[in-house]
Amino acid sequence: MGKLIPRSFERLRSGEQIKPTVFANVAAANAAGVTAAKYPYREIILTAGGTGGVLCKAISDGVNWRQVAIGINAI
């Protein structure tokens, strides 16, 4: 018998899109209960969280949110 595949992998294999959670900034994420300590290695999108209030991605390291700037267009 084969191994059981978790539901999350079934969604990936079927081609279903995974939509990241979107917040205005880290304070809004924390207010919603999505903290870096509670969700280590989680990725979220911040619409006004970057330097100058621009779009960025934040990744939890288990203690803090680490900002990843979204800048240059892909070629």
PDB file of N, CA and C in Angstrom:
ATOM      1  N   MET A   1       0.839  -1.177   0.000  1.00  0.00           N
ATOM      2  CA  MET A   1       0.000   0.000   0.000  1.00  0.00           C
ATOM      3  C   MET A   1       0.886   1.242   0.000  1.00  0.00           C
ATOM      4  N   GLY A   2       0.438   2.253  -0.719  1.00  0.00           N
ATOM      5  CA  GLY A   2       1.166   3.527  -0.760  1.00  0.00           C
ATOM      6  C   GLY A   2       0.916   4.343   0.488  1.00  0.00           C
ATOM      7  N   LYS A   3       1.729   5.350   0.643  1.00  0.00           N
ATOM      8  CA  LYS A   3       1.565   6.249   1.783  1.00  0.00           C
ATOM      9  C   LYS A   3       0.382   7.175   1.542  1.00  0.00           C
ATOM     10  N   LEU A   4      -0.231   7.592   2.626  1.00  0.00           N
ATOM     11  CA  LEU A   4      -1.299   8.574   2.520  1.00  0.00           C
ATOM     12  C   LEU A   4      -0.682   9.936   2.236  1.00  0.00           C
ATOM     13  N   ILE A   5      -1.268  10.675   1.326  1.00  0.00           N
ATOM     14  CA  ILE A   5      -0.765  11.994   0.967  1.00  0.00           C
ATOM     15  C   ILE A   5      -1.577  13.036   1.736  1.00  0.00           C
ATOM     16  N   PRO A   6      -0.911  13.910   2.496  1.00  0.00           N
ATOM     17  CA  PRO A   6      -1.653  14.948   3.220  1.00  0.00           C
ATOM     18  C   PRO A   6      -2.455  15.821   2.259  1.00  0.00           C
ATOM     19  N   ARG A   7      -3.528  16.385   2.759  1.00  0.00           N
ATOM     20  CA  ARG A   7      -4.429  17.217   1.948  1.00  0.00           C
ATOM     21  C   ARG A   7      -3.673  18.357   1.262  1.00  0.00           C
ATOM     22  N   SER A   8      -2.690  18.962   1.933  1.00  0.00           N
ATOM     23  CA  SER A   8      -1.963  20.077   1.346  1.00  0.00           C
ATOM     24  C   SER A   8      -1.223  19.649   0.080  1.00  0.00           C
ATOM     25  N   PHE A   9      -0.683  18.433   0.058  1.00  0.00           N
ATOM     26  CA  PHE A   9       0.010  17.949  -1.136  1.00  0.00           C
ATOM     27  C   PHE A   9      -0.973  17.620  -2.250  1.00  0.00           C
ATOM     28  N   GLU A  10      -2.152  17.143  -1.889  1.00  0.00           N
ATOM     29  CA  GLU A  10      -3.181  16.888  -2.898  1.00  0.00           C
ATOM     30  C   GLU A  10      -3.546  18.184  -3.611  1.00  0.00           C
ATOM     31  N   ARG A  11      -3.637  19.262  -2.874  1.00  0.00           N
ATOM     32  CA  ARG A  11      -3.966  20.557  -3.462  1.00  0.00           C
ATOM     33  C   ARG A  11      -2.864  21.001  -4.422  1.00  0.00           C
ATOM     34  N   LEU A  12      -1.616  20.779  -4.054  1.00  0.00           N
ATOM     35  CA  LEU A  12      -0.504  21.145  -4.932  1.00  0.00           C
ATOM     36  C   LEU A  12      -0.507  20.299  -6.203  1.00  0.00           C
ATOM     37  N   ARG A  13      -0.708  19.017  -6.053  1.00  0.00           N
ATOM     38  CA  ARG A  13      -0.676  18.107  -7.201  1.00  0.00           C
ATOM     39  C   ARG A  13      -1.816  18.376  -8.164  1.00  0.00           C
ATOM     40  N   SER A  14      -2.938  18.872  -7.651  1.00  0.00           N
ATOM     41  CA  SER A  14      -4.086  19.141  -8.514  1.00  0.00           C
ATOM     42  C   SER A  14      -3.943  20.468  -9.256  1.00  0.00           C
ATOM     43  N   GLY A  15      -2.910  21.246  -8.909  1.00  0.00           N
ATOM     44  CA  GLY A  15      -2.688  22.525  -9.567  1.00  0.00           C
ATOM     45  C   GLY A  15      -3.413  23.683  -8.909  1.00  0.00           C
ATOM     46  N   GLU A  16      -4.007  23.442  -7.756  1.00  0.00           N
ATOM     47  CA  GLU A  16      -4.705  24.521  -7.055  1.00  0.00           C
ATOM     48  C   GLU A  16      -3.695  25.571  -6.600  1.00  0.00           C
ATOM     49  N   GLN A  17      -4.032  26.834  -6.758  1.00  0.00           N
ATOM     50  CA  GLN A  17      -3.129  27.902  -6.354  1.00  0.00           C
ATOM     51  C   GLN A  17      -3.163  28.078  -4.848  1.00  0.00           C
ATOM     52  N   ILE A  18      -1.999  28.326  -4.288  1.00  0.00           N
ATOM     53  CA  ILE A  18      -1.898  28.621  -2.865  1.00  0.00           C
ATOM     54  C   ILE A  18      -1.790  30.134  -2.740  1.00  0.00           C
ATOM     55  N   LYS A  19      -2.731  30.742  -2.054  1.00  0.00           N
ATOM     56  CA  LYS A  19      -2.748  32.190  -1.916  1.00  0.00           C
ATOM     57  C   LYS A  19      -2.173  32.578  -0.558  1.00  0.00           C
ATOM     58  N   PRO A  20      -1.093  33.362  -0.554  1.00  0.00           N
ATOM     59  CA  PRO A  20      -0.504  33.765   0.725  1.00  0.00           C
ATOM     60  C   PRO A  20      -1.425  34.725   1.481  1.00  0.00           C
ATOM     61  N   THR A  21      -1.279  34.765   2.775  1.00  0.00           N
ATOM     62  CA  THR A  21      -2.049  35.666   3.608  1.00  0.00           C
ATOM     63  C   THR A  21      -1.530  37.086   3.409  1.00  0.00           C
ATOM     64  N   VAL A  22      -2.442  38.045   3.291  1.00  0.00           N
ATOM     65  CA  VAL A  22      -2.071  39.432   3.028  1.00  0.00           C
ATOM     66  C   VAL A  22      -2.491  40.313   4.203  1.00  0.00           C
ATOM     67  N   PHE A  23      -1.557  41.147   4.666  1.00  0.00           N
ATOM     68  CA  PHE A  23      -1.816  42.116   5.736  1.00  0.00           C
ATOM     69  C   PHE A  23      -1.252  43.459   5.305  1.00  0.00           C
ATOM     70  N   ALA A  24      -1.707  44.534   5.946  1.00  0.00           N
ATOM     71  CA  ALA A  24      -1.180  45.867   5.636  1.00  0.00           C
ATOM     72  C   ALA A  24       0.257  45.996   6.130  1.00  0.00           C
ATOM     73  N   ASN A  25       0.507  45.517   7.360  1.00  0.00           N
ATOM     74  CA  ASN A  25       1.850  45.596   7.945  1.00  0.00           C
ATOM     75  C   ASN A  25       1.974  44.534   9.040  1.00  0.00           C
ATOM     76  N   VAL A  26       3.132  44.468   9.664  1.00  0.00           N
ATOM     77  CA  VAL A  26       3.374  43.454  10.704  1.00  0.00           C
ATOM     78  C   VAL A  26       2.455  43.663  11.896  1.00  0.00           C
ATOM     79  N   ALA A  27       2.174  44.901  12.245  1.00  0.00           N
ATOM     80  CA  ALA A  27       1.284  45.176  13.377  1.00  0.00           C
ATOM     81  C   ALA A  27      -0.109  44.584  13.126  1.00  0.00           C
ATOM     82  N   ALA A  28      -0.584  44.684  11.890  1.00  0.00           N
ATOM     83  CA  ALA A  28      -1.893  44.117  11.549  1.00  0.00           C
ATOM     84  C   ALA A  28      -1.859  42.587  11.623  1.00  0.00           C
ATOM     85  N   ALA A  29      -0.760  41.984  11.203  1.00  0.00           N
ATOM     86  CA  ALA A  29      -0.616  40.527  11.292  1.00  0.00           C
ATOM     87  C   ALA A  29      -0.614  40.077  12.754  1.00  0.00           C
ATOM     88  N   ASN A  30       0.143  40.786  13.583  1.00  0.00           N
ATOM     89  CA  ASN A  30       0.194  40.454  15.009  1.00  0.00           C
ATOM     90  C   ASN A  30      -1.177  40.622  15.656  1.00  0.00           C
ATOM     91  N   ALA A  31      -1.911  41.677  15.281  1.00  0.00           N
ATOM     92  CA  ALA A  31      -3.247  41.911  15.831  1.00  0.00           C
ATOM     93  C   ALA A  31      -4.210  40.790  15.441  1.00  0.00           C
ATOM     94  N   ALA A  32      -3.987  40.198  14.273  1.00  0.00           N
ATOM     95  CA  ALA A  32      -4.838  39.087  13.809  1.00  0.00           C
ATOM     96  C   ALA A  32      -4.400  37.748  14.409  1.00  0.00           C
ATOM     97  N   GLY A  33      -3.343  37.767  15.216  1.00  0.00           N
ATOM     98  CA  GLY A  33      -2.868  36.538  15.857  1.00  0.00           C
ATOM     99  C   GLY A  33      -1.820  35.789  15.061  1.00  0.00           C
ATOM    100  N   VAL A  34      -1.353  36.364  13.960  1.00  0.00           N
ATOM    101  CA  VAL A  34      -0.319  35.727  13.140  1.00  0.00           C
ATOM    102  C   VAL A  34       1.020  36.316  13.571  1.00  0.00           C
ATOM    103  N   THR A  35       1.631  35.698  14.564  1.00  0.00           N
ATOM    104  CA  THR A  35       2.903  36.195  15.085  1.00  0.00           C
ATOM    105  C   THR A  35       4.048  35.336  14.582  1.00  0.00           C
ATOM    106  N   ALA A  36       5.237  35.904  14.579  1.00  0.00           N
ATOM    107  CA  ALA A  36       6.425  35.178  14.107  1.00  0.00           C
ATOM    108  C   ALA A  36       6.707  33.959  14.976  1.00  0.00           C
ATOM    109  N   ALA A  37       6.503  34.083  16.282  1.00  0.00           N
ATOM    110  CA  ALA A  37       6.777  32.967  17.187  1.00  0.00           C
ATOM    111  C   ALA A  37       5.760  31.839  17.029  1.00  0.00           C
ATOM    112  N   LYS A  38       4.515  32.192  16.749  1.00  0.00           N
ATOM    113  CA  LYS A  38       3.452  31.196  16.626  1.00  0.00           C
ATOM    114  C   LYS A  38       3.526  30.428  15.315  1.00  0.00           C
ATOM    115  N   TYR A  39       4.034  31.078  14.255  1.00  0.00           N
ATOM    116  CA  TYR A  39       4.103  30.472  12.930  1.00  0.00           C
ATOM    117  C   TYR A  39       5.511  30.559  12.349  1.00  0.00           C
ATOM    118  N   PRO A  40       6.462  29.779  12.873  1.00  0.00           N
ATOM    119  CA  PRO A  40       7.821  29.841  12.319  1.00  0.00           C
ATOM    120  C   PRO A  40       7.860  29.400  10.857  1.00  0.00           C
ATOM    121  N   TYR A  41       8.669  30.089  10.065  1.00  0.00           N
ATOM    122  CA  TYR A  41       8.896  29.825   8.635  1.00  0.00           C
ATOM    123  C   TYR A  41       7.683  30.141   7.767  1.00  0.00           C
ATOM    124  N   ARG A  42       6.713  30.846   8.292  1.00  0.00           N
ATOM    125  CA  ARG A  42       5.548  31.235   7.490  1.00  0.00           C
ATOM    126  C   ARG A  42       5.875  32.476   6.663  1.00  0.00           C
ATOM    127  N   GLU A  43       5.290  32.561   5.475  1.00  0.00           N
ATOM    128  CA  GLU A  43       5.452  33.719   4.607  1.00  0.00           C
ATOM    129  C   GLU A  43       4.132  34.460   4.518  1.00  0.00           C
ATOM    130  N   ILE A  44       4.203  35.791   4.615  1.00  0.00           N
ATOM    131  CA  ILE A  44       3.017  36.629   4.443  1.00  0.00           C
ATOM    132  C   ILE A  44       3.373  37.776   3.507  1.00  0.00           C
ATOM    133  N   ILE A  45       2.356  38.386   2.922  1.00  0.00           N
ATOM    134  CA  ILE A  45       2.538  39.542   2.055  1.00  0.00           C
ATOM    135  C   ILE A  45       2.092  40.772   2.832  1.00  0.00           C
ATOM    136  N   LEU A  46       2.902  41.832   2.794  1.00  0.00           N
ATOM    137  CA  LEU A  46       2.568  43.095   3.449  1.00  0.00           C
ATOM    138  C   LEU A  46       2.358  44.154   2.375  1.00  0.00           C
ATOM    139  N   THR A  47       1.165  44.735   2.331  1.00  0.00           N
ATOM    140  CA  THR A  47       0.862  45.713   1.284  1.00  0.00           C
ATOM    141  C   THR A  47       1.497  47.068   1.542  1.00  0.00           C
ATOM    142  N   ALA A  48       1.744  47.397   2.794  1.00  0.00           N
ATOM    143  CA  ALA A  48       2.362  48.682   3.128  1.00  0.00           C
ATOM    144  C   ALA A  48       3.452  48.486   4.175  1.00  0.00           C
ATOM    145  N   GLY A  49       4.100  47.344   4.145  1.00  0.00           N
ATOM    146  CA  GLY A  49       5.056  47.023   5.204  1.00  0.00           C
ATOM    147  C   GLY A  49       6.496  47.317   4.887  1.00  0.00           C
ATOM    148  N   GLY A  50       6.802  47.528   3.620  1.00  0.00           N
ATOM    149  CA  GLY A  50       8.183  47.772   3.235  1.00  0.00           C
ATOM    150  C   GLY A  50       8.627  49.185   3.541  1.00  0.00           C
ATOM    151  N   THR A  51       9.886  49.472   3.306  1.00  0.00           N
ATOM    152  CA  THR A  51      10.420  50.810   3.491  1.00  0.00           C
ATOM    153  C   THR A  51       9.680  51.756   2.547  1.00  0.00           C
ATOM    154  N   GLY A  52       9.148  52.815   3.092  1.00  0.00           N
ATOM    155  CA  GLY A  52       8.374  53.748   2.277  1.00  0.00           C
ATOM    156  C   GLY A  52       6.946  53.288   2.040  1.00  0.00           C
ATOM    157  N   GLY A  53       6.509  52.278   2.776  1.00  0.00           N
ATOM    158  CA  GLY A  53       5.131  51.808   2.659  1.00  0.00           C
ATOM    159  C   GLY A  53       4.828  51.099   1.357  1.00  0.00           C
ATOM    160  N   VAL A  54       5.771  50.300   0.861  1.00  0.00           N
ATOM    161  CA  VAL A  54       5.564  49.574  -0.391  1.00  0.00           C
ATOM    162  C   VAL A  54       5.358  48.085  -0.124  1.00  0.00           C
ATOM    163  N   LEU A  55       4.890  47.385  -1.141  1.00  0.00           N
ATOM    164  CA  LEU A  55       4.638  45.947  -1.073  1.00  0.00           C
ATOM    165  C   LEU A  55       5.919  45.182  -0.753  1.00  0.00           C
ATOM    166  N   CYS A  56       5.828  44.193   0.147  1.00  0.00           N
ATOM    167  CA  CYS A  56       6.968  43.338   0.432  1.00  0.00           C
ATOM    168  C   CYS A  56       6.469  41.999   0.974  1.00  0.00           C
ATOM    169  N   LYS A  57       7.376  41.056   1.091  1.00  0.00           N
ATOM    170  CA  LYS A  57       7.080  39.758   1.676  1.00  0.00           C
ATOM    171  C   LYS A  57       7.783  39.705   3.036  1.00  0.00           C
ATOM    172  N   ALA A  58       7.170  39.055   3.993  1.00  0.00           N
ATOM    173  CA  ALA A  58       7.789  38.867   5.305  1.00  0.00           C
ATOM    174  C   ALA A  58       7.823  37.377   5.616  1.00  0.00           C
ATOM    175  N   ILE A  59       8.950  36.922   6.133  1.00  0.00           N
ATOM    176  CA  ILE A  59       9.133  35.514   6.473  1.00  0.00           C
ATOM    177  C   ILE A  59       9.505  35.418   7.946  1.00  0.00           C
ATOM    178  N   SER A  60       8.812  34.551   8.668  1.00  0.00           N
ATOM    179  CA  SER A  60       9.086  34.362  10.089  1.00  0.00           C
ATOM    180  C   SER A  60      10.312  33.489  10.289  1.00  0.00           C
ATOM    181  N   ASP A  61      11.194  33.912  11.187  1.00  0.00           N
ATOM    182  CA  ASP A  61      12.338  33.076  11.547  1.00  0.00           C
ATOM    183  C   ASP A  61      12.104  32.392  12.891  1.00  0.00           C
ATOM    184  N   GLY A  62      10.876  32.468  13.387  1.00  0.00           N
ATOM    185  CA  GLY A  62      10.522  31.864  14.672  1.00  0.00           C
ATOM    186  C   GLY A  62      10.585  32.856  15.815  1.00  0.00           C
ATOM    187  N   VAL A  63      11.179  34.018  15.580  1.00  0.00           N
ATOM    188  CA  VAL A  63      11.282  35.070  16.589  1.00  0.00           C
ATOM    189  C   VAL A  63      10.768  36.396  16.021  1.00  0.00           C
ATOM    190  N   ASN A  64      11.275  36.769  14.846  1.00  0.00           N
ATOM    191  CA  ASN A  64      10.924  38.032  14.204  1.00  0.00           C
ATOM    192  C   ASN A  64      10.468  37.787  12.771  1.00  0.00           C
ATOM    193  N   TRP A  65       9.820  38.808  12.213  1.00  0.00           N
ATOM    194  CA  TRP A  65       9.492  38.795  10.794  1.00  0.00           C
ATOM    195  C   TRP A  65      10.655  39.404  10.039  1.00  0.00           C
ATOM    196  N   ARG A  66      11.117  38.732   8.992  1.00  0.00           N
ATOM    197  CA  ARG A  66      12.213  39.226   8.151  1.00  0.00           C
ATOM    198  C   ARG A  66      11.621  39.736   6.848  1.00  0.00           C
ATOM    199  N   GLN A  67      11.980  40.959   6.500  1.00  0.00           N
ATOM    200  CA  GLN A  67      11.424  41.586   5.298  1.00  0.00           C
ATOM    201  C   GLN A  67      12.209  41.207   4.064  1.00  0.00           C
ATOM    202  N   VAL A  68      11.476  40.886   3.004  1.00  0.00           N
ATOM    203  CA  VAL A  68      12.066  40.618   1.695  1.00  0.00           C
ATOM    204  C   VAL A  68      11.449  41.639   0.749  1.00  0.00           C
ATOM    205  N   ALA A  69      12.262  42.561   0.257  1.00  0.00           N
ATOM    206  CA  ALA A  69      11.750  43.619  -0.617  1.00  0.00           C
ATOM    207  C   ALA A  69      11.402  43.048  -1.988  1.00  0.00           C
ATOM    208  N   ILE A  70      10.351  43.592  -2.561  1.00  0.00           N
ATOM    209  CA  ILE A  70       9.948  43.232  -3.914  1.00  0.00           C
ATOM    210  C   ILE A  70      10.249  44.460  -4.757  1.00  0.00           C
ATOM    211  N   GLY A  71      11.188  44.336  -5.690  1.00  0.00           N
ATOM    212  CA  GLY A  71      11.623  45.525  -6.383  1.00  0.00           C
ATOM    213  C   GLY A  71      11.600  45.436  -7.885  1.00  0.00           C
ATOM    214  N   ILE A  72      12.666  45.007  -8.462  1.00  0.00           N
ATOM    215  CA  ILE A  72      12.855  45.033  -9.908  1.00  0.00           C
ATOM    216  C   ILE A  72      11.924  44.033 -10.593  1.00  0.00           C
ATOM    217  N   ASN A  73      11.439  44.421 -11.760  1.00  0.00           N
ATOM    218  CA  ASN A  73      10.584  43.529 -12.546  1.00  0.00           C
ATOM    219  C   ASN A  73      11.371  42.312 -13.037  1.00  0.00           C
ATOM    220  N   ALA A  74      10.705  41.192 -13.093  1.00  0.00           N
ATOM    221  CA  ALA A  74      11.326  39.973 -13.596  1.00  0.00           C
ATOM    222  C   ALA A  74      11.459  40.056 -15.109  1.00  0.00           C
ATOM    223  N   ILE A  75      12.488  39.458 -15.639  1.00  0.00           N
ATOM    224  CA  ILE A  75      12.712  39.471 -17.091  1.00  0.00           C
ATOM    225  C   ILE A  75      12.232  38.157 -17.684  1.00  0.00           C
TER     226      ILE A  75
END
